[in-house]
């Protein structure tokens, strides 16, 4: 069903029964806005653009990148990126390093060294291993790909600063989250950690995350 992963409602019921905090968020944010992204290059390029900046800032930068490339409202192609001078991408708000990473990614897609179809067939840990072999893509970016492009149900991106902050605010009374607490929550939420992450992001910012 467009707009909603097929596991979403089952996972919501599962988490509603197991986690009072998430149950409360579900009452407040009733309609999920995790949107499926079928274009692998766009997902990865947008995640690179969003590294280490806020969701709103990342969205603003991305819209300027799309405008510079002349793409559709939310989609750009690797060939279009390579046809653009790096200075134009920097002028859109990308750092020199991010321009380098996105152009490298575009080259790999143009040469068909990255296959969306192959990635879709791999297990989560295999996807992460393959993606983190690309320049500029670390575990966080790979997790965003698993969540937003492949719609995997049990992704817990512990490298995401916002997620950790939400966990600390909602489960640790503002204190640092211990590894023991993180393991406890991971056990409680699986196999639907992705849904828990989405609602915890919403607890910090109702502005939908999108990659």
C-alpha atoms as a PDB file:
ATOM      1  CA  UNK A   1       0.000   0.000   0.000  1.00  0.00           C
ATOM      2  CA  UNK A   2       1.554   3.335  -1.054  1.00  0.00           C
ATOM      3  CA  UNK A   3       2.850   5.405   1.838  1.00  0.00           C
ATOM      4  CA  UNK A   4       2.662   2.703   4.498  1.00  0.00           C
ATOM      5  CA  UNK A   5       4.992  -0.308   4.826  1.00  0.00           C
ATOM      6  CA  UNK A   6       3.090  -3.591   4.879  1.00  0.00           C
ATOM      7  CA  UNK A   7       4.384  -4.353   8.376  1.00  0.00           C
ATOM      8  CA  UNK A   8       3.416  -0.983   9.863  1.00  0.00           C
ATOM      9  CA  UNK A   9       0.028  -1.713  11.433  1.00  0.00           C
ATOM     10  CA  UNK A  10       1.069  -5.098  12.775  1.00  0.00           C
ATOM     11  CA  UNK A  11       4.191  -3.513  14.222  1.00  0.00           C
ATOM     12  CA  UNK A  12       2.205  -0.696  15.804  1.00  0.00           C
ATOM     13  CA  UNK A  13       0.016  -3.207  17.650  1.00  0.00           C
ATOM     14  CA  UNK A  14       3.108  -5.090  18.765  1.00  0.00           C
ATOM     15  CA  UNK A  15       4.786  -1.962  20.134  1.00  0.00           C
ATOM     16  CA  UNK A  16       1.560  -0.616  21.644  1.00  0.00           C
ATOM     17  CA  UNK A  17       1.399  -3.715  23.847  1.00  0.00           C
ATOM     18  CA  UNK A  18       5.077  -3.654  24.816  1.00  0.00           C
ATOM     19  CA  UNK A  19       5.969   0.022  25.265  1.00  0.00           C
ATOM     20  CA  UNK A  20       3.860   2.647  27.059  1.00  0.00           C
ATOM     21  CA  UNK A  21       5.995   5.517  25.770  1.00  0.00           C
ATOM     22  CA  UNK A  22       5.522   4.539  22.140  1.00  0.00           C
ATOM     23  CA  UNK A  23       1.858   3.820  22.742  1.00  0.00           C
ATOM     24  CA  UNK A  24       1.423   7.437  23.818  1.00  0.00           C
ATOM     25  CA  UNK A  25       3.205   8.719  20.721  1.00  0.00           C
ATOM     26  CA  UNK A  26       0.964   6.569  18.532  1.00  0.00           C
ATOM     27  CA  UNK A  27      -2.091   8.293  19.971  1.00  0.00           C
ATOM     28  CA  UNK A  28      -0.617  11.687  19.097  1.00  0.00           C
ATOM     29  CA  UNK A  29       0.873  10.892  15.666  1.00  0.00           C
ATOM     30  CA  UNK A  30      -1.834   8.721  14.178  1.00  0.00           C
ATOM     31  CA  UNK A  31      -0.826   8.724  10.511  1.00  0.00           C
ATOM     32  CA  UNK A  32       2.632   7.386   9.591  1.00  0.00           C
ATOM     33  CA  UNK A  33       4.521   9.408   7.016  1.00  0.00           C
ATOM     34  CA  UNK A  34       7.383   7.036   6.259  1.00  0.00           C
ATOM     35  CA  UNK A  35       7.364   7.234   2.477  1.00  0.00           C
ATOM     36  CA  UNK A  36       8.841   4.643   0.177  1.00  0.00           C
ATOM     37  CA  UNK A  37      11.773   5.724  -1.962  1.00  0.00           C
ATOM     38  CA  UNK A  38      12.368   3.484  -4.946  1.00  0.00           C
ATOM     39  CA  UNK A  39      15.231   5.527  -6.400  1.00  0.00           C
ATOM     40  CA  UNK A  40      18.385   4.272  -4.746  1.00  0.00           C
ATOM     41  CA  UNK A  41      20.688   7.037  -5.910  1.00  0.00           C
ATOM     42  CA  UNK A  42      18.376   9.768  -4.629  1.00  0.00           C
ATOM     43  CA  UNK A  43      18.028   8.092  -1.233  1.00  0.00           C
ATOM     44  CA  UNK A  44      21.776   7.745  -0.774  1.00  0.00           C
ATOM     45  CA  UNK A  45      22.666  11.171  -2.156  1.00  0.00           C
ATOM     46  CA  UNK A  46      20.055  12.822   0.035  1.00  0.00           C
ATOM     47  CA  UNK A  47      21.309  10.954   3.094  1.00  0.00           C
ATOM     48  CA  UNK A  48      24.865  12.106   2.363  1.00  0.00           C
ATOM     49  CA  UNK A  49      23.601  15.672   2.041  1.00  0.00           C
ATOM     50  CA  UNK A  50      21.864  15.307   5.410  1.00  0.00           C
ATOM     51  CA  UNK A  51      24.831  13.987   7.350  1.00  0.00           C
ATOM     52  CA  UNK A  52      25.494  15.863  10.620  1.00  0.00           C
ATOM     53  CA  UNK A  53      22.923  18.619  10.066  1.00  0.00           C
ATOM     54  CA  UNK A  54      19.327  19.058  11.218  1.00  0.00           C
ATOM     55  CA  UNK A  55      16.370  17.608   9.321  1.00  0.00           C
ATOM     56  CA  UNK A  56      15.116  21.040   8.279  1.00  0.00           C
ATOM     57  CA  UNK A  57      18.559  22.183   7.170  1.00  0.00           C
ATOM     58  CA  UNK A  58      19.061  18.965   5.207  1.00  0.00           C
ATOM     59  CA  UNK A  59      15.723  19.410   3.453  1.00  0.00           C
ATOM     60  CA  UNK A  60      16.564  22.996   2.512  1.00  0.00           C
ATOM     61  CA  UNK A  61      19.972  21.995   1.127  1.00  0.00           C
ATOM     62  CA  UNK A  62      18.469  19.119  -0.810  1.00  0.00           C
ATOM     63  CA  UNK A  63      15.833  21.303  -2.445  1.00  0.00           C
ATOM     64  CA  UNK A  64      18.586  23.665  -3.614  1.00  0.00           C
ATOM     65  CA  UNK A  65      20.579  20.715  -4.965  1.00  0.00           C
ATOM     66  CA  UNK A  66      17.551  19.454  -6.898  1.00  0.00           C
ATOM     67  CA  UNK A  67      16.978  22.940  -8.289  1.00  0.00           C
ATOM     68  CA  UNK A  68      20.634  23.231  -9.327  1.00  0.00           C
ATOM     69  CA  UNK A  69      20.583  19.853 -11.051  1.00  0.00           C
ATOM     70  CA  UNK A  70      17.228  20.563 -12.669  1.00  0.00           C
ATOM     71  CA  UNK A  71      15.627  17.398 -11.398  1.00  0.00           C
ATOM     72  CA  UNK A  72      12.118  16.493 -10.349  1.00  0.00           C
ATOM     73  CA  UNK A  73      10.814  17.819  -6.993  1.00  0.00           C
ATOM     74  CA  UNK A  74      12.463  15.079  -4.949  1.00  0.00           C
ATOM     75  CA  UNK A  75      14.588  13.130  -7.419  1.00  0.00           C
ATOM     76  CA  UNK A  76      17.850  13.632  -9.260  1.00  0.00           C
ATOM     77  CA  UNK A  77      19.823  11.281 -11.465  1.00  0.00           C
ATOM     78  CA  UNK A  78      23.520  10.383 -11.284  1.00  0.00           C
ATOM     79  CA  UNK A  79      24.223  11.502 -14.846  1.00  0.00           C
ATOM     80  CA  UNK A  80      22.687  14.902 -14.136  1.00  0.00           C
ATOM     81  CA  UNK A  81      24.866  15.293 -11.053  1.00  0.00           C
ATOM     82  CA  UNK A  82      28.022  14.494 -13.025  1.00  0.00           C
ATOM     83  CA  UNK A  83      27.086  16.968 -15.742  1.00  0.00           C
ATOM     84  CA  UNK A  84      27.041  19.781 -13.203  1.00  0.00           C
ATOM     85  CA  UNK A  85      30.180  21.612 -12.140  1.00  0.00           C
ATOM     86  CA  UNK A  86      31.140  20.891  -8.496  1.00  0.00           C
ATOM     87  CA  UNK A  87      30.979  24.625  -7.773  1.00  0.00           C
ATOM     88  CA  UNK A  88      27.246  24.596  -8.531  1.00  0.00           C
ATOM     89  CA  UNK A  89      26.699  21.850  -5.964  1.00  0.00           C
ATOM     90  CA  UNK A  90      28.753  23.738  -3.393  1.00  0.00           C
ATOM     91  CA  UNK A  91      26.689  26.849  -4.085  1.00  0.00           C
ATOM     92  CA  UNK A  92      23.577  24.825  -3.222  1.00  0.00           C
ATOM     93  CA  UNK A  93      24.916  24.351   0.300  1.00  0.00           C
ATOM     94  CA  UNK A  94      26.905  21.131   0.099  1.00  0.00           C
ATOM     95  CA  UNK A  95      30.348  21.037   1.666  1.00  0.00           C
ATOM     96  CA  UNK A  96      33.305  20.255  -0.574  1.00  0.00           C
ATOM     97  CA  UNK A  97      33.552  16.801   1.000  1.00  0.00           C
ATOM     98  CA  UNK A  98      29.858  16.039   0.451  1.00  0.00           C
ATOM     99  CA  UNK A  99      30.149  17.133  -3.182  1.00  0.00           C
ATOM    100  CA  UNK A 100      33.044  14.701  -3.545  1.00  0.00           C
ATOM    101  CA  UNK A 101      31.028  11.883  -1.964  1.00  0.00           C
ATOM    102  CA  UNK A 102      27.902  12.456  -4.049  1.00  0.00           C
ATOM    103  CA  UNK A 103      29.873  12.671  -7.285  1.00  0.00           C
ATOM    104  CA  UNK A 104      31.720   9.471  -6.398  1.00  0.00           C
ATOM    105  CA  UNK A 105      28.363   7.797  -5.727  1.00  0.00           C
ATOM    106  CA  UNK A 106      27.027   9.054  -9.061  1.00  0.00           C
ATOM    107  CA  UNK A 107      30.043   7.615 -10.871  1.00  0.00           C
ATOM    108  CA  UNK A 108      29.487   4.216  -9.251  1.00  0.00           C
ATOM    109  CA  UNK A 109      25.836   4.238 -10.321  1.00  0.00           C
ATOM    110  CA  UNK A 110      26.648   5.320 -13.876  1.00  0.00           C
ATOM    111  CA  UNK A 111      29.196   2.495 -14.142  1.00  0.00           C
ATOM    112  CA  UNK A 112      26.568   0.131 -12.680  1.00  0.00           C
ATOM    113  CA  UNK A 113      28.862  -0.842  -9.865  1.00  0.00           C
ATOM    114  CA  UNK A 114      25.991  -0.266  -7.443  1.00  0.00           C
ATOM    115  CA  UNK A 115      22.855  -2.308  -8.109  1.00  0.00           C
ATOM    116  CA  UNK A 116      19.591  -1.391  -6.413  1.00  0.00           C
ATOM    117  CA  UNK A 117      18.125  -4.769  -7.350  1.00  0.00           C
ATOM    118  CA  UNK A 118      21.040  -6.595  -5.763  1.00  0.00           C
ATOM    119  CA  UNK A 119      20.863  -4.520  -2.588  1.00  0.00           C
ATOM    120  CA  UNK A 120      17.166  -5.338  -2.258  1.00  0.00           C
ATOM    121  CA  UNK A 121      17.969  -9.046  -2.205  1.00  0.00           C
ATOM    122  CA  UNK A 122      20.564  -8.782   0.569  1.00  0.00           C
ATOM    123  CA  UNK A 123      20.059  -9.160   4.315  1.00  0.00           C
ATOM    124  CA  UNK A 124      20.335  -5.986   6.399  1.00  0.00           C
ATOM    125  CA  UNK A 125      23.909  -6.607   7.527  1.00  0.00           C
ATOM    126  CA  UNK A 126      24.967  -7.401   3.956  1.00  0.00           C
ATOM    127  CA  UNK A 127      23.438  -4.150   2.684  1.00  0.00           C
ATOM    128  CA  UNK A 128      25.341  -2.226   5.350  1.00  0.00           C
ATOM    129  CA  UNK A 129      28.604  -3.961   4.493  1.00  0.00           C
ATOM    130  CA  UNK A 130      28.231  -3.193   0.792  1.00  0.00           C
ATOM    131  CA  UNK A 131      27.169   0.418   1.217  1.00  0.00           C
ATOM    132  CA  UNK A 132      29.808   1.305   3.790  1.00  0.00           C
ATOM    133  CA  UNK A 133      32.381   0.216   1.237  1.00  0.00           C
ATOM    134  CA  UNK A 134      31.466   3.333  -0.758  1.00  0.00           C
ATOM    135  CA  UNK A 135      33.216   6.637  -0.123  1.00  0.00           C
ATOM    136  CA  UNK A 136      31.309   8.883   2.267  1.00  0.00           C
ATOM    137  CA  UNK A 137      28.791   6.265   3.377  1.00  0.00           C
ATOM    138  CA  UNK A 138      28.996   5.095   6.971  1.00  0.00           C
ATOM    139  CA  UNK A 139      26.650   3.020   9.146  1.00  0.00           C
ATOM    140  CA  UNK A 140      24.193   5.900   9.659  1.00  0.00           C
ATOM    141  CA  UNK A 141      23.721   6.521   5.931  1.00  0.00           C
ATOM    142  CA  UNK A 142      23.355   2.790   5.327  1.00  0.00           C
ATOM    143  CA  UNK A 143      20.693   2.633   8.034  1.00  0.00           C
ATOM    144  CA  UNK A 144      18.785   5.473   6.355  1.00  0.00           C
ATOM    145  CA  UNK A 145      18.853   3.454   3.134  1.00  0.00           C
ATOM    146  CA  UNK A 146      17.497   0.394   4.916  1.00  0.00           C
ATOM    147  CA  UNK A 147      14.688   2.442   6.463  1.00  0.00           C
ATOM    148  CA  UNK A 148      13.653   4.718   3.618  1.00  0.00           C
ATOM    149  CA  UNK A 149      14.476   2.777   0.466  1.00  0.00           C
ATOM    150  CA  UNK A 150      14.232  -0.876   1.431  1.00  0.00           C
ATOM    151  CA  UNK A 151      11.613  -0.376   4.169  1.00  0.00           C
ATOM    152  CA  UNK A 152      13.272  -2.910   6.440  1.00  0.00           C
ATOM    153  CA  UNK A 153      11.236  -3.283   9.662  1.00  0.00           C
ATOM    154  CA  UNK A 154      13.933  -3.804  12.286  1.00  0.00           C
ATOM    155  CA  UNK A 155      16.510  -1.025  11.817  1.00  0.00           C
ATOM    156  CA  UNK A 156      17.868   0.716  14.919  1.00  0.00           C
ATOM    157  CA  UNK A 157      20.373   3.440  13.899  1.00  0.00           C
ATOM    158  CA  UNK A 158      22.207   3.942  17.184  1.00  0.00           C
ATOM    159  CA  UNK A 159      24.557   6.335  15.419  1.00  0.00           C
ATOM    160  CA  UNK A 160      21.686   8.783  14.992  1.00  0.00           C
ATOM    161  CA  UNK A 161      22.101  11.674  17.439  1.00  0.00           C
ATOM    162  CA  UNK A 162      18.409  12.532  17.396  1.00  0.00           C
ATOM    163  CA  UNK A 163      17.364   8.988  18.213  1.00  0.00           C
ATOM    164  CA  UNK A 164      19.737   8.789  21.169  1.00  0.00           C
ATOM    165  CA  UNK A 165      18.518  12.160  22.427  1.00  0.00           C
ATOM    166  CA  UNK A 166      14.897  10.979  22.190  1.00  0.00           C
ATOM    167  CA  UNK A 167      15.740   7.781  24.057  1.00  0.00           C
ATOM    168  CA  UNK A 168      17.468   9.749  26.805  1.00  0.00           C
ATOM    169  CA  UNK A 169      14.548  12.149  27.152  1.00  0.00           C
ATOM    170  CA  UNK A 170      11.840   9.499  27.152  1.00  0.00           C
ATOM    171  CA  UNK A 171      13.461   6.506  28.850  1.00  0.00           C
ATOM    172  CA  UNK A 172      16.406   7.827  30.875  1.00  0.00           C
ATOM    173  CA  UNK A 173      15.032  11.012  32.496  1.00  0.00           C
ATOM    174  CA  UNK A 174      17.452  13.073  30.463  1.00  0.00           C
ATOM    175  CA  UNK A 175      20.525  11.114  31.514  1.00  0.00           C
ATOM    176  CA  UNK A 176      22.939   9.390  29.165  1.00  0.00           C
ATOM    177  CA  UNK A 177      21.593   6.118  27.800  1.00  0.00           C
ATOM    178  CA  UNK A 178      23.679   3.164  28.965  1.00  0.00           C
ATOM    179  CA  UNK A 179      24.527   0.267  26.676  1.00  0.00           C
ATOM    180  CA  UNK A 180      22.411  -1.914  28.949  1.00  0.00           C
ATOM    181  CA  UNK A 181      19.399   0.354  28.418  1.00  0.00           C
ATOM    182  CA  UNK A 182      19.909   0.409  24.669  1.00  0.00           C
ATOM    183  CA  UNK A 183      20.065  -3.390  24.572  1.00  0.00           C
ATOM    184  CA  UNK A 184      16.910  -3.585  26.668  1.00  0.00           C
ATOM    185  CA  UNK A 185      15.030  -1.304  24.294  1.00  0.00           C
ATOM    186  CA  UNK A 186      16.364  -3.134  21.272  1.00  0.00           C
ATOM    187  CA  UNK A 187      14.997  -6.400  22.651  1.00  0.00           C
ATOM    188  CA  UNK A 188      11.661  -4.778  23.488  1.00  0.00           C
ATOM    189  CA  UNK A 189      11.150  -3.270  20.057  1.00  0.00           C
ATOM    190  CA  UNK A 190      12.290  -6.002  17.722  1.00  0.00           C
ATOM    191  CA  UNK A 191      11.292  -7.052  15.130  1.00  0.00           C
ATOM    192  CA  UNK A 192       9.805  -3.577  14.561  1.00  0.00           C
ATOM    193  CA  UNK A 193      12.554  -1.188  15.651  1.00  0.00           C
ATOM    194  CA  UNK A 194      12.040   0.935  12.537  1.00  0.00           C
ATOM    195  CA  UNK A 195       8.594   1.973  13.763  1.00  0.00           C
ATOM    196  CA  UNK A 196       9.932   2.806  17.223  1.00  0.00           C
ATOM    197  CA  UNK A 197      12.618   4.973  15.611  1.00  0.00           C
ATOM    198  CA  UNK A 198      10.071   6.834  13.494  1.00  0.00           C
ATOM    199  CA  UNK A 199       7.935   7.708  16.533  1.00  0.00           C
ATOM    200  CA  UNK A 200      10.928   8.721  18.623  1.00  0.00           C
ATOM    201  CA  UNK A 201      12.039  11.056  15.845  1.00  0.00           C
ATOM    202  CA  UNK A 202       8.534  12.535  15.890  1.00  0.00           C
ATOM    203  CA  UNK A 203       8.807  13.139  19.646  1.00  0.00           C
ATOM    204  CA  UNK A 204      11.645  15.573  18.930  1.00  0.00           C
ATOM    205  CA  UNK A 205      10.407  17.114  15.723  1.00  0.00           C
ATOM    206  CA  UNK A 206       7.018  16.640  14.039  1.00  0.00           C
ATOM    207  CA  UNK A 207       8.714  17.578  10.771  1.00  0.00           C
ATOM    208  CA  UNK A 208       8.874  14.254   8.869  1.00  0.00           C
ATOM    209  CA  UNK A 209      12.279  12.751   8.210  1.00  0.00           C
ATOM    210  CA  UNK A 210      12.762  11.849   4.566  1.00  0.00           C
ATOM    211  CA  UNK A 211      15.683  10.427   2.582  1.00  0.00           C
END
